[in-house]
Amino acid sequence: MKAERKTWSSRLAIPTALVLAFSQTLASVAQAAPPTKIGPGEGALNLVAWEGYAEDQWVKPFEAQTGCKVNRKYAGSSDEMVTLMRQGGGNQYDLVSASGDATLRLIYGKNVAPLNVKLIEGYKDFVAQLKSPPHNTIKGVHYGISYEWGPNTLLWNTKKIAAAPKSWATVYDPQYKGLVTVPDNAIQIADAALYLSKTQPKLGIKDPYELNEKQMDAVVELLKQQRLLIKKYWALASDEISLFQNGDVIVGAAWPYQTNTLKAAKVAVEETIPAEGATGWADSWMLSAKSQHPNCAYLWMNWVTTPVVQAQQAIFFGETPANTLACKEMDKIAAGSCAQYHADAPASYFNQIKFWKTPLKECGGGKHDCLDYSVWQQKWQAIKG
């Protein structure tokens, strides 16, 4: 993971005005018919991407093979990605590597076009849970092609906590006061909601991203209790790594990247997805509804979802590929990396993960009493005091 872009704060920094505007657009999405074949490349491709998602290692071979010159614009947050894809009438960029919190905004804002996944060779080998995920597929129509992902795991120091934790209850346990770290972002509310959905079923939480006022009150109460246990909220992966290396914390919420980095540094840690399950992030390549180079865009999506490029990206960034055939390629680059990043995990592993999506007023089942992300942001600030 060479670039520190996967911060919780940058990925989900959504201004209130944008969230409210987004909530009002749910009735419509772009409906243009996707292409039935990929034509000759137009000679150029303009990307909006996370830093590290368009490295020369796989860009240069793509350019040589297709004749599509890649122009990169790296974004520092999901909000910036949405803004870039909308500016200038929406025709300045062809593709965006959007995270789950931005994808629905782009879909309902009619900023991205439906895709023909049959034109993406690697799609057939995707993890089943990432073929038609709710953060990029609406009523069976694909608006994004899944790329890379990561789970949010429970991490602990094995020398300080001998018995392996099996529940997220560990990060809410008073015996670890001053020794806990969790991400500094409102999306952490979803992690607490997922925990309560299993431990307090009477709350009726079915989706950790769809919370009504009563459910949110229970989550806030839990997180305010946790606040007394927190040594430090982390924003960058490197922040959490330092906390564990220095012995400042012994348990927290993390990504496999932190676990693998700490193990490489000989820090005694392990991770798990607890009994309640976990949240997770997933990125998708999405085609602008006004793309000027759609053929090059499809050629790119084909290229970066091949096993080799998926493996290169995964190793470079410390994440997990969507293409299951990338596993062997990962191990060719770095022995054991496939297992380290759970690229060979069984279906039961993926079924435990609730991937990020933007909280909206519209809940499942046609209800409209959930709290949107602007409220989540307000609650998070209140939790931290």
Protein backbone atom coordinates (compact mmCIF):
# COMPACT_ATOMS: atom_id res chain seq x y z
CA MET A 1 0.00 0.00 0.00
CA LYS A 2 2.26 2.74 -1.29
CA ALA A 3 -0.25 5.58 -1.16
CA GLU A 4 -2.11 6.66 1.97
CA ARG A 5 -5.41 7.31 0.26
CA LYS A 6 -7.53 4.72 1.95
CA THR A 7 -8.50 6.86 4.90
CA TRP A 8 -11.89 6.56 6.48
CA SER A 9 -12.24 10.32 6.63
CA SER A 10 -11.45 10.94 2.96
CA ARG A 11 -13.62 8.16 1.61
CA LEU A 12 -16.79 9.28 3.35
CA ALA A 13 -16.56 13.05 3.62
CA ILE A 14 -19.96 13.94 2.19
CA PRO A 15 -21.23 17.52 2.66
CA THR A 16 -24.77 17.74 3.99
CA ALA A 17 -26.03 19.61 0.94
CA LEU A 18 -24.82 16.86 -1.36
CA VAL A 19 -26.43 14.15 0.72
CA LEU A 20 -29.77 15.95 0.78
CA ALA A 21 -29.64 16.57 -2.95
CA PHE A 22 -28.78 12.91 -3.49
CA SER A 23 -31.74 11.74 -1.41
CA GLN A 24 -34.07 13.68 -3.65
CA THR A 25 -32.92 11.98 -6.86
CA LEU A 26 -33.74 8.37 -6.03
CA ALA A 27 -36.56 8.11 -8.56
CA SER A 28 -34.34 8.29 -11.64
CA VAL A 29 -31.19 6.72 -13.01
CA ALA A 30 -29.53 6.77 -16.42
CA GLN A 31 -31.26 4.25 -18.69
CA ALA A 32 -29.25 4.45 -21.94
CA ALA A 33 -28.66 1.03 -23.49
CA PRO A 34 -25.05 -0.12 -23.06
CA PRO A 35 -22.98 -1.12 -26.12
CA THR A 36 -23.13 -4.64 -27.50
CA LYS A 37 -19.47 -4.68 -28.57
CA ILE A 38 -16.23 -2.81 -28.01
CA GLY A 39 -15.12 -0.77 -30.99
CA PRO A 40 -11.66 0.60 -31.85
CA GLY A 41 -10.06 2.74 -29.16
CA GLU A 42 -10.40 6.50 -29.52
CA GLY A 43 -6.75 7.11 -28.62
CA ALA A 44 -7.29 8.59 -25.17
CA LEU A 45 -8.73 7.76 -21.77
CA ASN A 46 -9.35 10.23 -18.93
CA LEU A 47 -9.52 8.70 -15.45
CA VAL A 48 -10.53 9.93 -12.01
CA ALA A 49 -8.94 7.49 -9.60
CA TRP A 50 -7.59 6.85 -6.14
CA GLU A 51 -3.85 7.43 -6.06
CA GLY A 52 -2.18 4.13 -6.86
CA TYR A 53 -4.99 2.85 -9.08
CA ALA A 54 -3.34 3.80 -12.37
CA GLU A 55 0.33 2.96 -11.99
CA ASP A 56 2.74 2.77 -14.92
CA GLN A 57 3.28 -0.92 -14.14
CA TRP A 58 -0.04 -1.72 -15.78
CA VAL A 59 -0.81 1.55 -17.56
CA LYS A 60 2.13 1.44 -19.97
CA PRO A 61 1.36 -2.08 -21.26
CA PHE A 62 -2.28 -1.07 -21.69
CA GLU A 63 -1.33 1.98 -23.73
CA ALA A 64 1.03 -0.05 -25.91
CA GLN A 65 -1.61 -2.71 -26.55
CA THR A 66 -4.62 -0.45 -27.18
CA GLY A 67 -3.25 2.91 -28.31
CA CYS A 68 -5.37 4.58 -25.60
CA LYS A 69 -3.28 7.26 -23.89
CA VAL A 70 -4.17 7.33 -20.20
CA ASN A 71 -4.58 10.68 -18.47
CA ARG A 72 -4.88 10.40 -14.68
CA LYS A 73 -6.52 12.70 -12.17
CA TYR A 74 -6.06 11.46 -8.63
CA ALA A 75 -8.77 12.40 -6.13
CA GLY A 76 -8.30 12.71 -2.40
CA SER A 77 -11.86 11.88 -1.34
CA SER A 78 -15.07 10.32 -2.55
CA ASP A 79 -16.69 13.74 -2.52
CA GLU A 80 -14.00 15.07 -4.84
CA MET A 81 -14.60 12.16 -7.20
CA VAL A 82 -18.29 12.98 -7.43
CA THR A 83 -17.52 16.66 -8.04
CA LEU A 84 -14.99 15.87 -10.78
CA MET A 85 -17.37 13.52 -12.54
CA ARG A 86 -20.06 16.21 -12.57
CA GLN A 87 -18.03 19.28 -13.50
CA GLY A 88 -17.98 20.72 -17.00
CA GLY A 89 -21.17 18.97 -17.97
CA GLY A 90 -19.77 15.59 -16.97
CA ASN A 91 -17.79 14.95 -20.17
CA GLN A 92 -14.25 15.66 -18.97
CA TYR A 93 -13.61 12.19 -17.56
CA ASP A 94 -14.43 8.74 -18.89
CA LEU A 95 -14.07 6.52 -15.83
CA VAL A 96 -13.94 6.81 -12.06
CA SER A 97 -12.77 4.26 -9.48
CA ALA A 98 -15.60 5.05 -7.06
CA SER A 99 -15.96 3.59 -3.58
CA GLY A 100 -19.23 2.28 -2.23
CA ASP A 101 -20.14 5.55 -0.56
CA ALA A 102 -19.92 7.48 -3.87
CA THR A 103 -21.39 4.97 -6.32
CA LEU A 104 -25.05 5.51 -5.52
CA ARG A 105 -24.66 9.28 -5.71
CA LEU A 106 -23.22 8.94 -9.19
CA ILE A 107 -25.90 6.47 -10.27
CA TYR A 108 -28.88 8.46 -9.03
CA GLY A 109 -27.28 11.67 -10.23
CA LYS A 110 -27.29 10.17 -13.75
CA ASN A 111 -23.54 10.80 -13.91
CA VAL A 112 -22.67 7.24 -14.90
CA ALA A 113 -23.99 4.93 -17.60
CA PRO A 114 -25.24 1.34 -17.47
CA LEU A 115 -22.57 -1.22 -18.35
CA ASN A 116 -22.63 -4.38 -20.42
CA VAL A 117 -20.75 -6.72 -18.10
CA LYS A 118 -20.73 -9.37 -20.85
CA LEU A 119 -18.04 -7.28 -22.53
CA ILE A 120 -15.79 -7.60 -19.46
CA GLU A 121 -13.95 -10.91 -19.79
CA GLY A 122 -12.92 -11.11 -16.13
CA TYR A 123 -16.46 -10.58 -14.83
CA LYS A 124 -17.34 -14.28 -15.00
CA ASP A 125 -14.55 -15.02 -12.52
CA PHE A 126 -15.51 -12.37 -9.96
CA VAL A 127 -16.32 -13.22 -6.38
CA ALA A 128 -20.05 -13.93 -6.47
CA GLN A 129 -20.81 -11.22 -3.91
CA LEU A 130 -19.18 -8.59 -6.14
CA LYS A 131 -20.92 -9.45 -9.40
CA SER A 132 -24.09 -7.50 -8.64
CA PRO A 133 -23.57 -5.71 -5.31
CA PRO A 134 -26.20 -3.15 -4.23
CA HIS A 135 -23.68 -0.33 -4.26
CA ASN A 136 -23.22 -0.54 -8.06
CA THR A 137 -26.19 -2.53 -9.38
CA ILE A 138 -29.77 -1.23 -9.36
CA LYS A 139 -32.68 -3.53 -10.25
CA GLY A 140 -30.35 -5.83 -12.18
CA VAL A 141 -28.70 -3.01 -14.14
CA HIS A 142 -24.93 -2.71 -13.68
CA TYR A 143 -23.49 0.78 -13.28
CA GLY A 144 -20.07 -0.32 -12.11
CA ILE A 145 -17.59 -3.14 -12.55
CA SER A 146 -16.14 -4.30 -9.23
CA TYR A 147 -12.40 -3.90 -8.80
CA GLU A 148 -10.70 -4.25 -5.42
CA TRP A 149 -12.04 -4.51 -1.89
CA GLY A 150 -11.19 -5.01 1.76
CA PRO A 151 -12.92 -6.15 4.98
CA ASN A 152 -12.91 -4.23 8.25
CA THR A 153 -11.50 -6.72 10.72
CA LEU A 154 -10.94 -7.05 14.46
CA LEU A 155 -7.21 -6.75 15.22
CA TRP A 156 -5.54 -7.59 18.54
CA ASN A 157 -2.15 -8.03 20.19
CA THR A 158 -1.78 -11.74 20.92
CA LYS A 159 0.69 -11.16 23.77
CA LYS A 160 -1.76 -8.93 25.62
CA ILE A 161 -4.97 -10.77 24.73
CA ALA A 162 -4.23 -14.48 24.92
CA ALA A 163 -7.66 -15.87 24.06
CA ALA A 164 -8.62 -14.97 20.51
CA PRO A 165 -11.63 -12.62 20.54
CA LYS A 166 -14.70 -13.95 18.78
CA SER A 167 -16.94 -10.90 19.03
CA TRP A 168 -16.86 -7.16 18.42
CA ALA A 169 -17.78 -6.95 22.10
CA THR A 170 -14.03 -6.75 22.68
CA VAL A 171 -13.83 -3.15 21.42
CA TYR A 172 -16.64 -2.20 23.82
CA ASP A 173 -15.17 -4.02 26.84
CA PRO A 174 -14.28 -1.69 29.78
CA GLN A 175 -11.30 -3.88 30.73
CA TYR A 176 -9.49 -2.44 27.69
CA LYS A 177 -10.00 1.19 28.66
CA GLY A 178 -7.38 3.38 26.98
CA LEU A 179 -6.17 0.49 24.81
CA VAL A 180 -8.71 0.58 21.95
CA THR A 181 -8.56 2.25 18.53
CA VAL A 182 -11.23 2.49 15.84
CA PRO A 183 -11.54 4.57 12.65
CA ASP A 184 -12.31 8.26 12.94
CA ASN A 185 -15.30 8.38 10.66
CA ALA A 186 -19.06 8.37 10.81
CA ILE A 187 -19.18 5.08 8.89
CA GLN A 188 -18.04 3.51 12.16
CA ILE A 189 -21.68 3.87 13.15
CA ALA A 190 -22.42 1.00 10.75
CA ASP A 191 -19.95 -1.26 12.56
CA ALA A 192 -21.70 -0.62 15.87
CA ALA A 193 -25.09 -1.09 14.19
CA LEU A 194 -24.01 -4.44 12.80
CA TYR A 195 -22.91 -5.54 16.28
CA LEU A 196 -26.23 -4.45 17.82
CA SER A 197 -28.22 -6.14 15.06
CA LYS A 198 -26.90 -9.46 16.40
CA THR A 199 -26.72 -8.74 20.12
CA GLN A 200 -29.96 -6.74 20.46
CA PRO A 201 -32.28 -8.21 17.80
CA LYS A 202 -35.29 -6.42 19.32
CA LEU A 203 -33.95 -3.19 17.81
CA GLY A 204 -34.92 -4.60 14.43
CA ILE A 205 -31.74 -3.54 12.60
CA LYS A 206 -31.75 -5.40 9.28
CA ASP A 207 -29.20 -3.30 7.42
CA PRO A 208 -26.40 -1.46 9.30
CA TYR A 209 -26.64 1.41 6.78
CA GLU A 210 -30.39 1.85 7.27
CA LEU A 211 -31.13 3.15 10.75
CA ASN A 212 -34.23 4.88 12.03
CA GLU A 213 -34.08 7.32 14.94
CA LYS A 214 -34.67 4.71 17.64
CA GLN A 215 -32.00 2.42 16.25
CA MET A 216 -29.55 5.28 15.87
CA ASP A 217 -30.10 6.31 19.49
CA ALA A 218 -29.07 2.83 20.62
CA VAL A 219 -25.97 2.90 18.40
CA VAL A 220 -24.97 6.36 19.65
CA GLU A 221 -25.33 5.24 23.26
CA LEU A 222 -23.01 2.29 22.62
CA LEU A 223 -20.42 4.42 20.83
CA LYS A 224 -20.44 7.05 23.57
CA GLN A 225 -19.64 4.30 26.06
CA GLN A 226 -16.85 3.16 23.76
CA ARG A 227 -15.47 6.69 23.58
CA LEU A 228 -14.26 6.29 27.18
CA LEU A 229 -12.14 3.31 26.09
CA ILE A 230 -10.52 4.88 23.03
CA LYS A 231 -6.84 5.73 23.11
CA LYS A 232 -7.06 7.40 19.70
CA TYR A 233 -9.33 7.36 16.67
CA TRP A 234 -7.30 6.63 13.53
CA ALA A 235 -7.67 8.23 10.10
CA LEU A 236 -4.69 6.74 8.25
CA ALA A 237 -3.66 3.09 8.21
CA SER A 238 -0.19 4.21 9.28
CA ASP A 239 -1.70 5.80 12.40
CA GLU A 240 -3.07 2.50 13.60
CA ILE A 241 0.12 0.66 12.72
CA SER A 242 2.11 3.08 14.89
CA LEU A 243 -0.31 2.69 17.78
CA PHE A 244 0.13 -1.10 17.78
CA GLN A 245 3.88 -0.94 17.22
CA ASN A 246 4.34 1.43 20.15
CA GLY A 247 2.12 -0.62 22.43
CA ASP A 248 -0.32 2.25 22.86
CA VAL A 249 -3.27 0.02 21.93
CA ILE A 250 -3.88 -3.71 21.99
CA VAL A 251 -7.19 -4.05 20.14
CA GLY A 252 -9.06 -2.25 17.40
CA ALA A 253 -10.84 -2.21 14.05
CA ALA A 254 -8.47 -2.55 11.08
CA TRP A 255 -7.84 -3.77 7.53
CA PRO A 256 -5.72 -6.76 6.44
CA TYR A 257 -3.11 -4.25 5.28
CA GLN A 258 -2.43 -3.17 8.87
CA THR A 259 -2.30 -6.78 10.02
CA ASN A 260 0.16 -7.82 7.33
CA THR A 261 2.35 -4.75 7.84
CA LEU A 262 2.49 -5.31 11.59
CA LYS A 263 3.30 -9.00 11.18
CA ALA A 264 6.10 -8.12 8.76
CA ALA A 265 7.45 -5.84 11.48
CA LYS A 266 7.34 -8.77 13.96
CA VAL A 267 4.49 -7.32 16.02
CA ALA A 268 2.42 -10.08 17.61
CA VAL A 269 -1.03 -9.49 16.13
CA GLU A 270 -3.87 -11.46 14.61
CA GLU A 271 -7.15 -10.50 12.97
CA THR A 272 -10.56 -12.03 12.53
CA ILE A 273 -14.06 -11.34 11.30
CA PRO A 274 -16.06 -11.77 14.50
CA ALA A 275 -19.24 -13.76 14.92
CA GLU A 276 -21.40 -10.71 14.16
CA GLY A 277 -19.77 -10.22 10.75
CA ALA A 278 -18.06 -7.06 9.52
CA THR A 279 -18.39 -4.09 7.23
CA GLY A 280 -16.11 -3.61 4.25
CA TRP A 281 -15.29 -1.26 1.39
CA ALA A 282 -15.35 -2.07 -2.31
CA ASP A 283 -14.36 0.03 -5.32
CA SER A 284 -15.95 0.02 -8.78
CA TRP A 285 -14.91 1.40 -12.15
CA MET A 286 -17.84 3.44 -13.46
CA LEU A 287 -18.32 4.88 -16.95
CA SER A 288 -19.31 8.52 -17.33
CA ALA A 289 -22.74 8.98 -18.89
CA LYS A 290 -21.05 11.49 -21.22
CA SER A 291 -17.79 9.64 -21.85
CA GLN A 292 -15.88 10.88 -24.89
CA HIS A 293 -13.84 7.68 -25.12
CA PRO A 294 -16.18 4.78 -24.26
CA ASN A 295 -14.26 2.16 -26.25
CA CYS A 296 -11.01 2.95 -24.48
CA ALA A 297 -12.97 2.89 -21.22
CA TYR A 298 -14.25 -0.63 -21.89
CA LEU A 299 -10.78 -1.72 -22.98
CA TRP A 300 -9.43 -0.37 -19.68
CA MET A 301 -12.07 -2.15 -17.58
CA ASN A 302 -11.22 -5.35 -19.40
CA TRP A 303 -7.51 -4.83 -18.80
CA VAL A 304 -7.59 -3.99 -15.10
CA THR A 305 -9.90 -6.89 -14.25
CA THR A 306 -7.58 -9.52 -15.77
CA PRO A 307 -5.94 -11.80 -13.19
CA VAL A 308 -2.44 -10.38 -13.71
CA VAL A 309 -3.37 -6.71 -13.37
CA GLN A 310 -5.73 -7.47 -10.49
CA ALA A 311 -2.82 -9.14 -8.70
CA GLN A 312 -0.43 -6.27 -9.45
CA GLN A 313 -2.92 -3.76 -8.08
CA ALA A 314 -3.67 -5.84 -5.00
CA ILE A 315 -0.02 -6.28 -4.06
CA PHE A 316 0.83 -2.65 -4.78
CA PHE A 317 -1.99 -1.30 -2.66
CA GLY A 318 -2.56 -3.97 -0.04
CA GLU A 319 -6.12 -4.94 -0.95
CA THR A 320 -8.07 -7.87 -2.36
CA PRO A 321 -8.95 -8.41 -6.05
CA ALA A 322 -12.47 -9.04 -7.28
CA ASN A 323 -11.24 -11.61 -9.82
CA THR A 324 -10.77 -14.97 -8.10
CA LEU A 325 -8.16 -16.05 -10.68
CA ALA A 326 -5.82 -13.33 -9.43
CA CYS A 327 -4.92 -15.47 -6.42
CA LYS A 328 -2.20 -17.50 -8.17
CA GLU A 329 -0.81 -14.36 -9.77
CA MET A 330 -0.55 -12.69 -6.37
CA ASP A 331 1.51 -15.55 -5.00
CA LYS A 332 3.83 -15.31 -8.00
CA ILE A 333 4.54 -11.70 -7.06
CA ALA A 334 4.64 -12.19 -3.29
CA ALA A 335 4.46 -15.70 -1.87
CA GLY A 336 1.55 -16.14 0.52
CA SER A 337 -0.12 -12.83 -0.37
CA CYS A 338 -3.26 -14.50 -1.70
CA ALA A 339 -4.08 -15.96 1.70
CA GLN A 340 -2.88 -12.86 3.56
CA TYR A 341 -5.48 -10.73 1.78
CA HIS A 342 -8.17 -13.44 1.83
CA ALA A 343 -8.31 -13.67 -1.95
CA ASP A 344 -8.79 -17.44 -1.61
CA ALA A 345 -11.40 -17.25 1.14
CA PRO A 346 -14.55 -19.39 0.85
CA ALA A 347 -17.98 -17.95 0.14
CA SER A 348 -18.80 -18.07 3.84
CA TYR A 349 -16.11 -15.43 4.45
CA PHE A 350 -17.60 -12.98 1.94
CA ASN A 351 -21.12 -13.60 3.18
CA GLN A 352 -20.12 -12.08 6.53
CA ILE A 353 -19.25 -8.71 4.99
CA LYS A 354 -21.68 -5.81 4.63
CA PHE A 355 -20.12 -3.53 2.02
CA TRP A 356 -20.36 0.23 2.41
CA LYS A 357 -23.24 2.17 0.91
CA THR A 358 -24.40 5.71 1.53
CA PRO A 359 -27.08 5.96 4.25
CA LEU A 360 -30.30 7.49 2.89
CA LYS A 361 -33.72 8.44 4.21
CA GLU A 362 -35.15 5.75 1.96
CA CYS A 363 -35.00 2.42 3.77
CA GLY A 364 -35.66 -1.05 2.52
CA GLY A 365 -39.27 -2.06 2.01
CA GLY A 366 -40.34 1.36 0.82
CA LYS A 367 -39.89 3.08 4.18
CA HIS A 368 -38.61 6.65 4.41
CA ASP A 369 -37.82 6.99 8.11
CA CYS A 370 -34.10 6.25 8.06
CA LEU A 371 -31.46 8.86 8.83
CA ASP A 372 -29.30 10.06 5.94
CA TYR A 373 -25.56 10.51 6.05
CA SER A 374 -25.73 14.16 7.07
CA VAL A 375 -27.31 13.00 10.32
CA TRP A 376 -24.68 10.28 10.67
CA GLN A 377 -21.98 12.94 10.46
CA GLN A 378 -23.67 15.03 13.12
CA LYS A 379 -24.07 12.03 15.41
CA TRP A 380 -20.43 11.05 14.98
CA GLN A 381 -19.23 14.47 16.07
CA ALA A 382 -21.50 14.29 19.10
CA ILE A 383 -20.14 10.84 19.96
CA LYS A 384 -16.55 12.09 19.92
CA GLY A 385 -17.52 15.09 21.99
